[in-house]
Amino acid sequence: MNQDQRTVVKVLSVFGALIWVLLGLRYGWPAWLWIALVVLTIAGPWAVSWWLLGRVGRKPAPPEEAPVERPAAPQPTEHPVPGTPLRSAHPEYRFSFSAKVFWYSKPDAPGLPHANPAGLAVDLVLEQAGQLVAETSPEDGDLAQHRLNALLGAPRSDKSGHVVAWASDVRLVLADADAERLRQLAAARKEEELWERKRAHERNKRAYYADDVLKTPGSALVWWLARREDGDLDEAVRQISNLRKLTAAAHDRRVPDPDSDEPNWIHPVHSFVVEDFEVGAEQHVFAAIERLASGDERAALSHRLAEVLAAHGHRELAQVVRDRFGDRQELPGSGAALGEG
């Protein structure tokens, strides 16, 4: 009996007892009569409920079910697989596959039992291993071996449903001769890549000198000045002949013969001051520009040479060069015309 049922019994007992008391007092019943009725009304329901609970408690318990014994798992059989060749991603390289194959026959296998269940197990393992190895490069044998151990370690059923098989102690080995050949090929590829990079560096260097530095005598002179921190203009003038020879040789042109009647400006001259401006070194620059280039090339050469002079601290001389050769047209009696004659 739960708590709600007990509450209902109590309420009904109290109401019944009150009714007997009211009736006894109303009709003048003897006291012993209505008191007895009150006691029976209160005690009767409780006695009945306890009797019912006793009967319910004496019901026989249901019989315990006997535990069902599960069939014991079949014991696997071990079958070693010696070195078996498997094709790699490169058709000329084969791996040697070896492993321990474990298998057992399925008790609920359909149809008649197979005559060689071990062969079914080995075929299942080799099929799975061959699919993975066929996508493996010969250089990645160690990595493929770890993958095979993980793949083949899970039990699987064959297509016919007769056996369950898995494998352990998987080994994947490449022949020593093939492994040595792969090492030599890898070393040759590295050497070839290094050689190609050296050749590319050499080609870039040759193109830099031929197409930029030694393109014209003027570009060679500017390059020579840019590499010297002292900005020695007298020495630059003395190097003009050598730079002309280098430029001609770099482009397979005839090397100019030494000029027997070279003008005096190729020799050092002393500077003198005219109207607070030093004259002497700039004459070398003017003469060099007029001798090395003409037309548009002269303007480009003067512009580059002015930048080099300014970078070495000769800002005033650089400005003079810009002013003189910026928009100047070539005259018939200029130094370039005389040099070409």
C-alpha atoms as a PDB file:
ATOM      1  CA  MET A   1       0.000   0.000   0.000  1.00  0.00           C
ATOM      2  CA  ASN A   2       1.419   3.315  -1.013  1.00  0.00           C
ATOM      3  CA  GLN A   3       1.117   6.669   0.719  1.00  0.00           C
ATOM      4  CA  ASP A   4      -1.955   7.819  -1.244  1.00  0.00           C
ATOM      5  CA  GLN A   5      -3.862   4.637  -0.409  1.00  0.00           C
ATOM      6  CA  ARG A   6      -3.076   5.002   3.293  1.00  0.00           C
ATOM      7  CA  THR A   7      -4.373   8.590   3.291  1.00  0.00           C
ATOM      8  CA  VAL A   8      -7.686   7.503   1.729  1.00  0.00           C
ATOM      9  CA  VAL A   9      -8.165   4.739   4.367  1.00  0.00           C
ATOM     10  CA  LYS A  10      -7.531   7.192   7.213  1.00  0.00           C
ATOM     11  CA  VAL A  11     -10.033   9.756   5.881  1.00  0.00           C
ATOM     12  CA  LEU A  12     -12.781   7.156   5.367  1.00  0.00           C
ATOM     13  CA  SER A  13     -12.233   5.671   8.845  1.00  0.00           C
ATOM     14  CA  VAL A  14     -12.527   9.070  10.527  1.00  0.00           C
ATOM     15  CA  PHE A  15     -15.704   9.980   8.619  1.00  0.00           C
ATOM     16  CA  GLY A  16     -17.278   6.607   9.492  1.00  0.00           C
ATOM     17  CA  ALA A  17     -16.460   7.011  13.181  1.00  0.00           C
ATOM     18  CA  LEU A  18     -17.980  10.525  13.279  1.00  0.00           C
ATOM     19  CA  ILE A  19     -21.193   9.239  11.699  1.00  0.00           C
ATOM     20  CA  TRP A  20     -21.593   6.557  14.400  1.00  0.00           C
ATOM     21  CA  VAL A  21     -20.989   9.116  17.154  1.00  0.00           C
ATOM     22  CA  LEU A  22     -23.613  11.492  15.757  1.00  0.00           C
ATOM     23  CA  LEU A  23     -26.186   8.726  15.352  1.00  0.00           C
ATOM     24  CA  GLY A  24     -25.556   7.402  18.875  1.00  0.00           C
ATOM     25  CA  LEU A  25     -25.965  10.822  20.437  1.00  0.00           C
ATOM     26  CA  ARG A  26     -29.043  11.636  18.301  1.00  0.00           C
ATOM     27  CA  TYR A  27     -31.000   8.492  19.104  1.00  0.00           C
ATOM     28  CA  GLY A  28     -29.687   7.890  22.604  1.00  0.00           C
ATOM     29  CA  TRP A  29     -27.860   4.649  21.953  1.00  0.00           C
ATOM     30  CA  PRO A  30     -25.975   3.104  24.781  1.00  0.00           C
ATOM     31  CA  ALA A  31     -22.452   4.400  25.013  1.00  0.00           C
ATOM     32  CA  TRP A  32     -20.874   0.965  24.714  1.00  0.00           C
ATOM     33  CA  LEU A  33     -22.710   0.429  21.385  1.00  0.00           C
ATOM     34  CA  TRP A  34     -21.594   3.490  19.478  1.00  0.00           C
ATOM     35  CA  ILE A  35     -18.083   3.289  20.977  1.00  0.00           C
ATOM     36  CA  ALA A  36     -17.777  -0.281  19.679  1.00  0.00           C
ATOM     37  CA  LEU A  37     -19.003   0.845  16.279  1.00  0.00           C
ATOM     38  CA  VAL A  38     -16.401   3.642  16.203  1.00  0.00           C
ATOM     39  CA  VAL A  39     -13.594   1.208  17.074  1.00  0.00           C
ATOM     40  CA  LEU A  40     -14.683  -1.256  14.392  1.00  0.00           C
ATOM     41  CA  THR A  41     -14.999   1.517  11.811  1.00  0.00           C
ATOM     42  CA  ILE A  42     -11.476   2.741  12.479  1.00  0.00           C
ATOM     43  CA  ALA A  43      -9.740  -0.643  12.899  1.00  0.00           C
ATOM     44  CA  GLY A  44     -11.648  -2.581  10.242  1.00  0.00           C
ATOM     45  CA  PRO A  45     -10.195  -0.993   7.080  1.00  0.00           C
ATOM     46  CA  TRP A  46      -6.670  -1.274   8.429  1.00  0.00           C
ATOM     47  CA  ALA A  47      -7.105  -4.953   9.223  1.00  0.00           C
ATOM     48  CA  VAL A  48      -8.463  -5.640   5.740  1.00  0.00           C
ATOM     49  CA  SER A  49      -5.598  -3.743   4.055  1.00  0.00           C
ATOM     50  CA  TRP A  50      -2.915  -5.577   6.017  1.00  0.00           C
ATOM     51  CA  TRP A  51      -4.554  -8.907   5.156  1.00  0.00           C
ATOM     52  CA  LEU A  52      -4.511  -8.048   1.454  1.00  0.00           C
ATOM     53  CA  LEU A  53      -0.885  -6.943   1.640  1.00  0.00           C
ATOM     54  CA  GLY A  54       0.019 -10.235   3.266  1.00  0.00           C
ATOM     55  CA  ARG A  55      -1.550 -12.199   0.440  1.00  0.00           C
ATOM     56  CA  VAL A  56       0.235 -10.125  -2.183  1.00  0.00           C
ATOM     57  CA  GLY A  57       3.568 -10.594  -0.386  1.00  0.00           C
ATOM     58  CA  ARG A  58       3.068 -14.379  -0.271  1.00  0.00           C
ATOM     59  CA  LYS A  59       2.786 -14.707  -4.074  1.00  0.00           C
ATOM     60  CA  PRO A  60       5.522 -16.988  -5.435  1.00  0.00           C
ATOM     61  CA  ALA A  61       8.386 -15.262  -7.202  1.00  0.00           C
ATOM     62  CA  PRO A  62       8.702 -15.964 -10.917  1.00  0.00           C
ATOM     63  CA  PRO A  63      11.253 -18.622 -11.740  1.00  0.00           C
ATOM     64  CA  GLU A  64      14.713 -17.312 -12.613  1.00  0.00           C
ATOM     65  CA  GLU A  65      15.725 -17.703 -16.234  1.00  0.00           C
ATOM     66  CA  ALA A  66      18.714 -19.886 -16.770  1.00  0.00           C
ATOM     67  CA  PRO A  67      21.703 -17.941 -18.281  1.00  0.00           C
ATOM     68  CA  VAL A  68      22.151 -18.595 -21.958  1.00  0.00           C
ATOM     69  CA  GLU A  69      25.636 -19.826 -22.672  1.00  0.00           C
ATOM     70  CA  ARG A  70      27.186 -18.053 -25.651  1.00  0.00           C
ATOM     71  CA  PRO A  71      29.151 -20.173 -28.031  1.00  0.00           C
ATOM     72  CA  ALA A  72      32.883 -19.882 -27.570  1.00  0.00           C
ATOM     73  CA  ALA A  73      34.744 -17.794 -30.157  1.00  0.00           C
ATOM     74  CA  PRO A  74      36.486 -19.965 -32.711  1.00  0.00           C
ATOM     75  CA  GLN A  75      40.223 -20.304 -32.290  1.00  0.00           C
ATOM     76  CA  PRO A  76      42.130 -18.744 -35.223  1.00  0.00           C
ATOM     77  CA  THR A  77      44.654 -20.697 -37.240  1.00  0.00           C
ATOM     78  CA  GLU A  78      48.006 -19.151 -38.157  1.00  0.00           C
ATOM     79  CA  HIS A  79      49.357 -19.432 -41.692  1.00  0.00           C
ATOM     80  CA  PRO A  80      52.733 -17.844 -42.582  1.00  0.00           C
ATOM     81  CA  VAL A  81      53.074 -16.077 -45.931  1.00  0.00           C
ATOM     82  CA  PRO A  82      56.707 -15.924 -47.163  1.00  0.00           C
ATOM     83  CA  GLY A  83      58.134 -13.281 -49.501  1.00  0.00           C
ATOM     84  CA  THR A  84      55.562 -12.647 -52.214  1.00  0.00           C
ATOM     85  CA  PRO A  85      56.293 -10.074 -54.962  1.00  0.00           C
ATOM     86  CA  LEU A  86      53.832  -7.195 -55.205  1.00  0.00           C
ATOM     87  CA  ARG A  87      53.914  -4.585 -57.980  1.00  0.00           C
ATOM     88  CA  SER A  88      54.612  -0.996 -56.888  1.00  0.00           C
ATOM     89  CA  ALA A  89      53.503   2.226 -58.566  1.00  0.00           C
ATOM     90  CA  HIS A  90      56.607   1.927 -60.773  1.00  0.00           C
ATOM     91  CA  PRO A  91      56.112  -1.205 -62.925  1.00  0.00           C
ATOM     92  CA  GLU A  92      59.822  -2.135 -62.902  1.00  0.00           C
ATOM     93  CA  TYR A  93      60.074  -2.168 -59.104  1.00  0.00           C
ATOM     94  CA  ARG A  94      58.446  -4.879 -56.980  1.00  0.00           C
ATOM     95  CA  PHE A  95      58.178  -5.216 -53.202  1.00  0.00           C
ATOM     96  CA  SER A  96      58.601  -8.483 -51.320  1.00  0.00           C
ATOM     97  CA  PHE A  97      55.573  -8.988 -49.015  1.00  0.00           C
ATOM     98  CA  SER A  98      55.588 -11.318 -45.998  1.00  0.00           C
ATOM     99  CA  ALA A  99      53.211 -11.650 -43.020  1.00  0.00           C
ATOM    100  CA  LYS A 100      51.475 -13.988 -40.572  1.00  0.00           C
ATOM    101  CA  VAL A 101      47.865 -14.637 -41.622  1.00  0.00           C
ATOM    102  CA  PHE A 102      45.294 -15.654 -38.987  1.00  0.00           C
ATOM    103  CA  TRP A 103      41.913 -17.097 -39.982  1.00  0.00           C
ATOM    104  CA  TYR A 104      38.952 -19.149 -38.836  1.00  0.00           C
ATOM    105  CA  SER A 105      35.943 -20.638 -40.608  1.00  0.00           C
ATOM    106  CA  LYS A 106      32.604 -18.958 -40.026  1.00  0.00           C
ATOM    107  CA  PRO A 107      30.125 -21.369 -38.386  1.00  0.00           C
ATOM    108  CA  ASP A 108      27.200 -19.855 -40.298  1.00  0.00           C
ATOM    109  CA  ALA A 109      28.940 -19.929 -43.699  1.00  0.00           C
ATOM    110  CA  PRO A 110      26.519 -20.489 -46.586  1.00  0.00           C
ATOM    111  CA  GLY A 111      26.717 -23.555 -48.776  1.00  0.00           C
ATOM    112  CA  LEU A 112      29.272 -26.317 -48.581  1.00  0.00           C
ATOM    113  CA  PRO A 113      32.551 -25.778 -46.696  1.00  0.00           C
ATOM    114  CA  HIS A 114      35.554 -24.701 -48.758  1.00  0.00           C
ATOM    115  CA  ALA A 115      38.241 -27.274 -49.426  1.00  0.00           C
ATOM    116  CA  ASN A 116      41.101 -24.831 -48.684  1.00  0.00           C
ATOM    117  CA  PRO A 117      39.974 -22.133 -46.222  1.00  0.00           C
ATOM    118  CA  ALA A 118      43.600 -21.126 -45.570  1.00  0.00           C
ATOM    119  CA  GLY A 119      43.955 -20.275 -49.261  1.00  0.00           C
ATOM    120  CA  LEU A 120      40.871 -18.056 -49.038  1.00  0.00           C
ATOM    121  CA  ALA A 121      42.393 -16.218 -46.067  1.00  0.00           C
ATOM    122  CA  VAL A 122      45.754 -15.686 -47.791  1.00  0.00           C
ATOM    123  CA  ASP A 123      44.060 -14.525 -50.988  1.00  0.00           C
ATOM    124  CA  LEU A 124      42.000 -11.973 -49.026  1.00  0.00           C
ATOM    125  CA  VAL A 125      45.115 -10.553 -47.322  1.00  0.00           C
ATOM    126  CA  LEU A 126      47.149 -10.425 -50.550  1.00  0.00           C
ATOM    127  CA  GLU A 127      44.315  -8.696 -52.411  1.00  0.00           C
ATOM    128  CA  GLN A 128      44.105  -5.921 -49.809  1.00  0.00           C
ATOM    129  CA  ALA A 129      47.890  -5.553 -49.640  1.00  0.00           C
ATOM    130  CA  GLY A 130      48.241  -5.457 -53.434  1.00  0.00           C
ATOM    131  CA  GLN A 131      45.749  -2.602 -53.775  1.00  0.00           C
ATOM    132  CA  LEU A 132      47.708  -0.397 -51.369  1.00  0.00           C
ATOM    133  CA  VAL A 133      51.172  -1.334 -52.658  1.00  0.00           C
ATOM    134  CA  ALA A 134      50.158  -0.681 -56.287  1.00  0.00           C
ATOM    135  CA  GLU A 135      49.721   2.995 -55.362  1.00  0.00           C
ATOM    136  CA  THR A 136      53.005   3.215 -53.426  1.00  0.00           C
ATOM    137  CA  SER A 137      56.192   4.703 -54.850  1.00  0.00           C
ATOM    138  CA  PRO A 138      59.273   2.450 -54.537  1.00  0.00           C
ATOM    139  CA  GLU A 139      60.891   5.097 -52.301  1.00  0.00           C
ATOM    140  CA  ASP A 140      58.011   4.906 -49.763  1.00  0.00           C
ATOM    141  CA  GLY A 141      58.301   1.260 -48.724  1.00  0.00           C
ATOM    142  CA  ASP A 142      58.694   1.942 -44.986  1.00  0.00           C
ATOM    143  CA  LEU A 143      55.613   4.154 -44.909  1.00  0.00           C
ATOM    144  CA  ALA A 144      53.583   1.559 -46.827  1.00  0.00           C
ATOM    145  CA  GLN A 145      54.649  -1.145 -44.343  1.00  0.00           C
ATOM    146  CA  HIS A 146      53.164   0.815 -41.418  1.00  0.00           C
ATOM    147  CA  ARG A 147      49.959   1.368 -43.361  1.00  0.00           C
ATOM    148  CA  LEU A 148      49.671  -2.330 -44.187  1.00  0.00           C
ATOM    149  CA  ASN A 149      50.046  -3.313 -40.535  1.00  0.00           C
ATOM    150  CA  ALA A 150      47.169  -0.987 -39.655  1.00  0.00           C
ATOM    151  CA  LEU A 151      44.992  -2.059 -42.605  1.00  0.00           C
ATOM    152  CA  LEU A 152      45.457  -5.828 -42.393  1.00  0.00           C
ATOM    153  CA  GLY A 153      45.200  -5.985 -38.584  1.00  0.00           C
ATOM    154  CA  ALA A 154      41.386  -5.677 -38.691  1.00  0.00           C
ATOM    155  CA  PRO A 155      39.469  -8.994 -39.177  1.00  0.00           C
ATOM    156  CA  ARG A 156      37.549  -9.165 -42.449  1.00  0.00           C
ATOM    157  CA  SER A 157      35.367 -11.748 -44.125  1.00  0.00           C
ATOM    158  CA  ASP A 158      36.046 -12.941 -47.642  1.00  0.00           C
ATOM    159  CA  LYS A 159      33.558 -12.452 -50.473  1.00  0.00           C
ATOM    160  CA  SER A 160      32.158 -15.979 -50.162  1.00  0.00           C
ATOM    161  CA  GLY A 161      31.536 -15.557 -46.421  1.00  0.00           C
ATOM    162  CA  HIS A 162      33.413 -18.750 -45.477  1.00  0.00           C
ATOM    163  CA  VAL A 163      36.406 -17.397 -43.530  1.00  0.00           C
ATOM    164  CA  VAL A 164      37.435 -14.399 -41.440  1.00  0.00           C
ATOM    165  CA  ALA A 165      41.098 -13.398 -41.803  1.00  0.00           C
ATOM    166  CA  TRP A 166      43.612 -10.779 -40.679  1.00  0.00           C
ATOM    167  CA  ALA A 167      47.409 -10.432 -40.647  1.00  0.00           C
ATOM    168  CA  SER A 168      50.236  -9.250 -38.401  1.00  0.00           C
ATOM    169  CA  ASP A 169      54.033  -8.863 -38.563  1.00  0.00           C
ATOM    170  CA  VAL A 170      53.747  -7.419 -42.068  1.00  0.00           C
ATOM    171  CA  ARG A 171      57.039  -6.714 -43.836  1.00  0.00           C
ATOM    172  CA  LEU A 172      57.497  -4.904 -47.149  1.00  0.00           C
ATOM    173  CA  VAL A 173      61.041  -5.011 -48.533  1.00  0.00           C
ATOM    174  CA  LEU A 174      62.605  -3.736 -51.740  1.00  0.00           C
ATOM    175  CA  ALA A 175      65.451  -5.679 -53.336  1.00  0.00           C
ATOM    176  CA  ASP A 176      68.933  -4.406 -52.390  1.00  0.00           C
ATOM    177  CA  ALA A 177      69.851  -3.765 -56.020  1.00  0.00           C
ATOM    178  CA  ASP A 178      66.681  -1.739 -56.588  1.00  0.00           C
ATOM    179  CA  ALA A 179      67.194   0.225 -53.370  1.00  0.00           C
ATOM    180  CA  GLU A 180      70.772   1.086 -54.389  1.00  0.00           C
ATOM    181  CA  ARG A 181      69.593   2.093 -57.851  1.00  0.00           C
ATOM    182  CA  LEU A 182      66.989   4.421 -56.347  1.00  0.00           C
ATOM    183  CA  ARG A 183      69.633   6.023 -54.133  1.00  0.00           C
ATOM    184  CA  GLN A 184      71.861   6.648 -57.142  1.00  0.00           C
ATOM    185  CA  LEU A 185      68.969   8.116 -59.137  1.00  0.00           C
ATOM    186  CA  ALA A 186      68.066  10.433 -56.272  1.00  0.00           C
ATOM    187  CA  ALA A 187      71.677  11.607 -55.983  1.00  0.00           C
ATOM    188  CA  ALA A 188      71.844  12.161 -59.754  1.00  0.00           C
ATOM    189  CA  ARG A 189      68.645  14.229 -59.685  1.00  0.00           C
ATOM    190  CA  LYS A 190      70.034  16.404 -56.910  1.00  0.00           C
ATOM    191  CA  GLU A 191      73.305  16.916 -58.770  1.00  0.00           C
ATOM    192  CA  GLU A 192      71.427  17.770 -61.965  1.00  0.00           C
ATOM    193  CA  GLU A 193      69.233  20.287 -60.149  1.00  0.00           C
ATOM    194  CA  LEU A 194      72.292  21.924 -58.583  1.00  0.00           C
ATOM    195  CA  TRP A 195      74.052  22.044 -61.967  1.00  0.00           C
ATOM    196  CA  GLU A 196      70.991  23.596 -63.626  1.00  0.00           C
ATOM    197  CA  ARG A 197      70.849  26.256 -60.938  1.00  0.00           C
ATOM    198  CA  LYS A 198      74.527  27.056 -61.440  1.00  0.00           C
ATOM    199  CA  ARG A 199      73.978  27.291 -65.193  1.00  0.00           C
ATOM    200  CA  ALA A 200      71.008  29.605 -64.693  1.00  0.00           C
ATOM    201  CA  HIS A 201      73.096  31.800 -62.394  1.00  0.00           C
ATOM    202  CA  GLU A 202      75.879  31.897 -64.974  1.00  0.00           C
ATOM    203  CA  ARG A 203      73.413  32.772 -67.766  1.00  0.00           C
ATOM    204  CA  ASN A 204      71.957  35.594 -65.698  1.00  0.00           C
ATOM    205  CA  LYS A 205      75.431  36.887 -64.979  1.00  0.00           C
ATOM    206  CA  ARG A 206      76.408  36.790 -68.667  1.00  0.00           C
ATOM    207  CA  ALA A 207      73.188  38.544 -69.657  1.00  0.00           C
ATOM    208  CA  TYR A 208      73.794  41.197 -67.013  1.00  0.00           C
ATOM    209  CA  TYR A 209      77.253  42.000 -68.368  1.00  0.00           C
ATOM    210  CA  ALA A 210      76.375  41.695 -72.072  1.00  0.00           C
ATOM    211  CA  ASP A 211      72.978  43.416 -72.095  1.00  0.00           C
ATOM    212  CA  ASP A 212      73.454  45.930 -69.312  1.00  0.00           C
ATOM    213  CA  VAL A 213      77.027  46.609 -68.191  1.00  0.00           C
ATOM    214  CA  LEU A 214      78.829  46.222 -71.536  1.00  0.00           C
ATOM    215  CA  LYS A 215      75.967  47.209 -73.805  1.00  0.00           C
ATOM    216  CA  THR A 216      77.732  50.425 -74.826  1.00  0.00           C
ATOM    217  CA  PRO A 217      80.992  52.096 -73.797  1.00  0.00           C
ATOM    218  CA  GLY A 218      78.893  54.658 -71.953  1.00  0.00           C
ATOM    219  CA  SER A 219      77.048  52.053 -69.870  1.00  0.00           C
ATOM    220  CA  ALA A 220      80.396  50.400 -69.103  1.00  0.00           C
ATOM    221  CA  LEU A 221      81.815  53.732 -67.928  1.00  0.00           C
ATOM    222  CA  VAL A 222      78.817  54.394 -65.691  1.00  0.00           C
ATOM    223  CA  TRP A 223      79.088  50.872 -64.230  1.00  0.00           C
ATOM    224  CA  TRP A 224      82.805  51.383 -63.563  1.00  0.00           C
ATOM    225  CA  LEU A 225      82.165  54.688 -61.770  1.00  0.00           C
ATOM    226  CA  ALA A 226      79.299  53.244 -59.747  1.00  0.00           C
ATOM    227  CA  ARG A 227      81.563  50.523 -58.330  1.00  0.00           C
ATOM    228  CA  ARG A 228      84.224  53.017 -57.158  1.00  0.00           C
ATOM    229  CA  GLU A 229      83.594  54.901 -53.975  1.00  0.00           C
ATOM    230  CA  ASP A 230      86.237  57.553 -54.600  1.00  0.00           C
ATOM    231  CA  GLY A 231      84.674  58.728 -57.902  1.00  0.00           C
ATOM    232  CA  ASP A 232      88.109  59.331 -59.492  1.00  0.00           C
ATOM    233  CA  LEU A 233      87.238  61.018 -62.797  1.00  0.00           C
ATOM    234  CA  ASP A 234      90.824  61.120 -64.076  1.00  0.00           C
ATOM    235  CA  GLU A 235      91.092  57.370 -63.680  1.00  0.00           C
ATOM    236  CA  ALA A 236      87.697  56.955 -65.353  1.00  0.00           C
ATOM    237  CA  VAL A 237      88.979  58.836 -68.406  1.00  0.00           C
ATOM    238  CA  ARG A 238      92.071  56.648 -68.561  1.00  0.00           C
ATOM    239  CA  GLN A 239      89.839  53.536 -68.547  1.00  0.00           C
ATOM    240  CA  ILE A 240      87.706  54.633 -71.501  1.00  0.00           C
ATOM    241  CA  SER A 241      89.892  52.864 -74.054  1.00  0.00           C
ATOM    242  CA  ASN A 242      89.783  49.616 -72.095  1.00  0.00           C
ATOM    243  CA  LEU A 243      86.027  49.869 -71.648  1.00  0.00           C
ATOM    244  CA  ARG A 244      85.575  50.387 -75.387  1.00  0.00           C
ATOM    245  CA  LYS A 245      87.605  47.268 -76.079  1.00  0.00           C
ATOM    246  CA  LEU A 246      85.588  45.264 -73.535  1.00  0.00           C
ATOM    247  CA  THR A 247      82.305  46.441 -75.030  1.00  0.00           C
ATOM    248  CA  ALA A 248      83.388  45.532 -78.565  1.00  0.00           C
ATOM    249  CA  ALA A 249      84.685  42.119 -77.516  1.00  0.00           C
ATOM    250  CA  ALA A 250      81.528  41.342 -75.525  1.00  0.00           C
ATOM    251  CA  HIS A 251      79.403  41.793 -78.658  1.00  0.00           C
ATOM    252  CA  ASP A 252      81.788  40.094 -81.112  1.00  0.00           C
ATOM    253  CA  ARG A 253      82.680  43.356 -82.813  1.00  0.00           C
ATOM    254  CA  ARG A 254      86.091  44.378 -84.042  1.00  0.00           C
ATOM    255  CA  VAL A 255      88.193  45.747 -81.261  1.00  0.00           C
ATOM    256  CA  PRO A 256      89.016  49.382 -82.144  1.00  0.00           C
ATOM    257  CA  ASP A 257      92.663  50.071 -82.925  1.00  0.00           C
ATOM    258  CA  PRO A 258      94.576  52.338 -80.606  1.00  0.00           C
ATOM    259  CA  ASP A 259      93.953  55.924 -81.637  1.00  0.00           C
ATOM    260  CA  SER A 260      97.321  57.420 -82.586  1.00  0.00           C
ATOM    261  CA  ASP A 261      96.094  60.966 -82.416  1.00  0.00           C
ATOM    262  CA  GLU A 262      93.991  60.797 -79.285  1.00  0.00           C
ATOM    263  CA  PRO A 263      92.963  64.241 -78.079  1.00  0.00           C
ATOM    264  CA  ASN A 264      94.666  65.824 -75.163  1.00  0.00           C
ATOM    265  CA  TRP A 265      91.688  65.298 -72.833  1.00  0.00           C
ATOM    266  CA  ILE A 266      92.629  61.683 -72.171  1.00  0.00           C
ATOM    267  CA  HIS A 267      95.647  62.892 -70.191  1.00  0.00           C
ATOM    268  CA  PRO A 268      95.317  64.430 -66.743  1.00  0.00           C
ATOM    269  CA  VAL A 269      95.032  68.217 -66.800  1.00  0.00           C
ATOM    270  CA  HIS A 270      95.432  70.677 -64.015  1.00  0.00           C
ATOM    271  CA  SER A 271      92.379  72.424 -62.742  1.00  0.00           C
ATOM    272  CA  PHE A 272      92.081  76.166 -62.639  1.00  0.00           C
ATOM    273  CA  VAL A 273      89.431  78.542 -61.321  1.00  0.00           C
ATOM    274  CA  VAL A 274      87.360  80.779 -63.589  1.00  0.00           C
ATOM    275  CA  GLU A 275      84.777  82.969 -61.888  1.00  0.00           C
ATOM    276  CA  ASP A 276      84.836  80.917 -58.660  1.00  0.00           C
ATOM    277  CA  PHE A 277      84.206  77.641 -60.534  1.00  0.00           C
ATOM    278  CA  GLU A 278      86.772  74.867 -60.840  1.00  0.00           C
ATOM    279  CA  VAL A 279      87.510  73.825 -64.403  1.00  0.00           C
ATOM    280  CA  GLY A 280      89.461  70.748 -65.453  1.00  0.00           C
ATOM    281  CA  ALA A 281      87.882  67.483 -64.282  1.00  0.00           C
ATOM    282  CA  GLU A 282      84.540  68.292 -65.869  1.00  0.00           C
ATOM    283  CA  GLN A 283      86.258  68.686 -69.243  1.00  0.00           C
ATOM    284  CA  HIS A 284      87.183  65.019 -69.035  1.00  0.00           C
ATOM    285  CA  VAL A 285      83.551  64.155 -68.406  1.00  0.00           C
ATOM    286  CA  PHE A 286      82.278  66.320 -71.269  1.00  0.00           C
ATOM    287  CA  ALA A 287      84.803  64.896 -73.708  1.00  0.00           C
ATOM    288  CA  ALA A 288      84.087  61.326 -72.601  1.00  0.00           C
ATOM    289  CA  ILE A 289      80.354  61.743 -73.122  1.00  0.00           C
ATOM    290  CA  GLU A 290      80.833  63.281 -76.550  1.00  0.00           C
ATOM    291  CA  ARG A 291      83.238  60.554 -77.627  1.00  0.00           C
ATOM    292  CA  LEU A 292      81.303  57.551 -76.286  1.00  0.00           C
ATOM    293  CA  ALA A 293      77.783  58.357 -77.466  1.00  0.00           C
ATOM    294  CA  SER A 294      75.758  60.472 -79.817  1.00  0.00           C
ATOM    295  CA  GLY A 295      72.150  61.495 -80.274  1.00  0.00           C
ATOM    296  CA  ASP A 296      69.665  59.905 -77.863  1.00  0.00           C
ATOM    297  CA  GLU A 297      72.348  57.628 -76.431  1.00  0.00           C
ATOM    298  CA  ARG A 298      74.385  60.698 -75.424  1.00  0.00           C
ATOM    299  CA  ALA A 299      71.426  62.116 -73.466  1.00  0.00           C
ATOM    300  CA  ALA A 300      70.852  58.766 -71.720  1.00  0.00           C
ATOM    301  CA  LEU A 301      74.555  58.399 -70.927  1.00  0.00           C
ATOM    302  CA  SER A 302      74.782  61.920 -69.539  1.00  0.00           C
ATOM    303  CA  HIS A 303      71.730  61.312 -67.369  1.00  0.00           C
ATOM    304  CA  ARG A 304      73.122  58.077 -65.893  1.00  0.00           C
ATOM    305  CA  LEU A 305      76.562  59.580 -65.436  1.00  0.00           C
ATOM    306  CA  ALA A 306      75.057  62.579 -63.633  1.00  0.00           C
ATOM    307  CA  GLU A 307      73.298  60.214 -61.220  1.00  0.00           C
ATOM    308  CA  VAL A 308      76.574  58.413 -60.485  1.00  0.00           C
ATOM    309  CA  LEU A 309      78.411  61.708 -59.939  1.00  0.00           C
ATOM    310  CA  ALA A 310      75.714  62.932 -57.567  1.00  0.00           C
ATOM    311  CA  ALA A 311      75.818  59.644 -55.643  1.00  0.00           C
ATOM    312  CA  HIS A 312      79.579  60.118 -55.116  1.00  0.00           C
ATOM    313  CA  GLY A 313      79.209  63.669 -53.838  1.00  0.00           C
ATOM    314  CA  HIS A 314      79.867  65.609 -57.094  1.00  0.00           C
ATOM    315  CA  ARG A 315      76.460  67.279 -57.105  1.00  0.00           C
ATOM    316  CA  GLU A 316      77.624  70.517 -58.784  1.00  0.00           C
ATOM    317  CA  LEU A 317      79.391  68.635 -61.552  1.00  0.00           C
ATOM    318  CA  ALA A 318      76.338  66.413 -61.999  1.00  0.00           C
ATOM    319  CA  GLN A 319      74.146  69.474 -62.460  1.00  0.00           C
ATOM    320  CA  VAL A 320      76.589  70.911 -65.018  1.00  0.00           C
ATOM    321  CA  VAL A 321      76.389  67.643 -66.982  1.00  0.00           C
ATOM    322  CA  ARG A 322      72.580  67.759 -66.931  1.00  0.00           C
ATOM    323  CA  ASP A 323      72.534  71.393 -68.044  1.00  0.00           C
ATOM    324  CA  ARG A 324      74.978  70.806 -70.872  1.00  0.00           C
ATOM    325  CA  PHE A 325      73.637  67.564 -72.341  1.00  0.00           C
ATOM    326  CA  GLY A 326      69.993  67.622 -71.284  1.00  0.00           C
ATOM    327  CA  ASP A 327      68.482  69.066 -74.476  1.00  0.00           C
ATOM    328  CA  ARG A 328      71.647  69.508 -76.553  1.00  0.00           C
ATOM    329  CA  GLN A 329      71.629  68.623 -80.221  1.00  0.00           C
ATOM    330  CA  GLU A 330      74.706  67.079 -81.823  1.00  0.00           C
ATOM    331  CA  LEU A 331      76.801  69.606 -83.772  1.00  0.00           C
ATOM    332  CA  PRO A 332      78.839  68.786 -86.848  1.00  0.00           C
ATOM    333  CA  GLY A 333      82.059  69.731 -85.122  1.00  0.00           C
ATOM    334  CA  SER A 334      81.409  67.889 -81.844  1.00  0.00           C
ATOM    335  CA  GLY A 335      83.780  65.394 -80.318  1.00  0.00           C
ATOM    336  CA  ALA A 336      81.603  62.425 -81.326  1.00  0.00           C
ATOM    337  CA  ALA A 337      81.609  63.530 -84.931  1.00  0.00           C
ATOM    338  CA  LEU A 338      85.359  63.932 -84.879  1.00  0.00           C
ATOM    339  CA  GLY A 339      85.778  60.526 -83.253  1.00  0.00           C
ATOM    340  CA  GLU A 340      83.587  58.864 -85.851  1.00  0.00           C
ATOM    341  CA  GLY A 341      85.537  60.595 -88.623  1.00  0.00           C
END
